[in-house]
Protein backbone atom coordinates (compact mmCIF):
# COMPACT_ATOMS: atom_id res chain seq x y z
CA MET A 1 0.22 -0.14 0.23
CA LEU A 2 1.41 3.33 -1.17
CA GLN A 3 2.16 5.22 2.34
CA THR A 4 1.70 9.56 2.03
CA PRO A 5 4.50 10.92 3.76
CA LYS A 6 3.75 13.26 6.60
CA ASP A 7 4.97 16.33 6.13
CA ASN A 8 4.77 18.48 2.76
CA ASN A 9 9.16 18.44 1.85
CA ARG A 10 7.56 16.07 -0.77
CA ALA A 11 5.21 18.21 -2.62
CA ILE A 12 7.56 21.42 -2.27
CA ARG A 13 10.32 19.64 -3.48
CA GLY A 14 8.74 18.00 -6.43
CA TYR A 15 7.35 21.92 -7.04
CA ALA A 16 11.28 23.10 -7.25
CA ILE A 17 11.78 20.69 -9.89
CA ILE A 18 9.22 22.91 -12.58
CA ALA A 19 9.87 25.52 -10.74
CA LYS A 20 14.34 25.43 -10.91
CA GLY A 21 12.93 25.03 -15.07
CA ASP A 22 13.23 20.98 -15.58
CA LYS A 23 10.87 20.05 -17.91
CA ILE A 24 8.26 17.34 -17.72
CA THR A 25 7.78 15.31 -20.32
CA GLN A 26 4.13 14.64 -20.91
CA LEU A 27 4.06 10.89 -23.07
CA ASP A 28 0.98 9.88 -23.41
CA GLU A 29 -2.54 10.50 -21.50
CA ASN A 30 -1.35 9.38 -17.98
CA THR A 31 2.57 8.90 -18.32
CA PHE A 32 5.53 11.60 -17.99
CA THR A 33 9.14 11.36 -18.01
CA VAL A 34 10.49 14.10 -14.26
CA PRO A 35 14.11 14.73 -13.93
CA SER A 36 15.06 13.60 -10.61
CA GLN A 37 15.64 17.04 -8.50
CA ASN A 38 19.34 16.42 -8.93
CA GLY A 39 19.36 16.54 -12.45
CA ASN A 40 21.09 13.20 -12.86
CA GLY A 41 18.85 11.85 -14.82
CA LEU A 42 14.57 10.42 -15.37
CA TYR A 43 12.27 8.65 -13.72
CA HIS A 44 8.70 7.65 -15.53
CA VAL A 45 5.57 8.49 -13.59
CA ALA A 46 2.50 7.03 -14.57
CA LYS A 47 -1.53 7.42 -13.44
CA LEU A 48 -2.76 4.56 -12.86
CA ASP A 49 -6.98 3.19 -11.78
CA SER A 50 -5.12 3.04 -8.49
CA GLY A 51 -3.40 6.11 -8.13
CA TRP A 52 0.63 6.68 -8.73
CA VAL A 53 3.52 5.03 -10.20
CA CYS A 54 7.12 5.87 -9.87
CA THR A 55 9.34 4.12 -10.74
CA CYS A 56 12.16 6.40 -7.79
CA PRO A 57 13.40 4.52 -5.23
CA ASP A 58 10.72 6.03 -3.04
CA ARG A 59 7.73 4.98 -5.12
CA THR A 60 9.43 1.69 -6.02
CA TYR A 61 11.42 0.53 -2.43
CA ARG A 62 9.61 2.99 0.41
CA LYS A 63 6.50 2.40 -1.17
CA ILE A 64 5.90 6.01 -0.19
CA GLU A 65 4.01 8.91 -2.51
CA CYS A 66 7.16 10.61 -4.25
CA LYS A 67 8.32 14.33 -4.51
CA HIS A 68 7.66 13.11 -8.65
CA ILE A 69 4.01 12.91 -8.82
CA TYR A 70 3.54 16.73 -8.31
CA PRO A 71 5.13 18.10 -11.56
CA SER A 72 3.49 15.41 -13.40
CA ASN A 73 -0.24 16.49 -12.55
CA PHE A 74 1.14 19.94 -14.73
CA GLY A 75 2.60 17.51 -17.83
């Protein structure tokens, strides 16, 4: 089960990706590529019926809502 962070730090860091001008690429209606916050890679983010998924370690291994889903909402 996906866990939501108890604070807004991930949302703030997600919006920082947009604020610094990194390009979010929409691949189709529900799939995006989002740069890592440090700029060393890209993550694939998708909106499924069950919610958002991302290929980053936070989502993949820790099962928490990651910062990459926030900029995807603005695709």
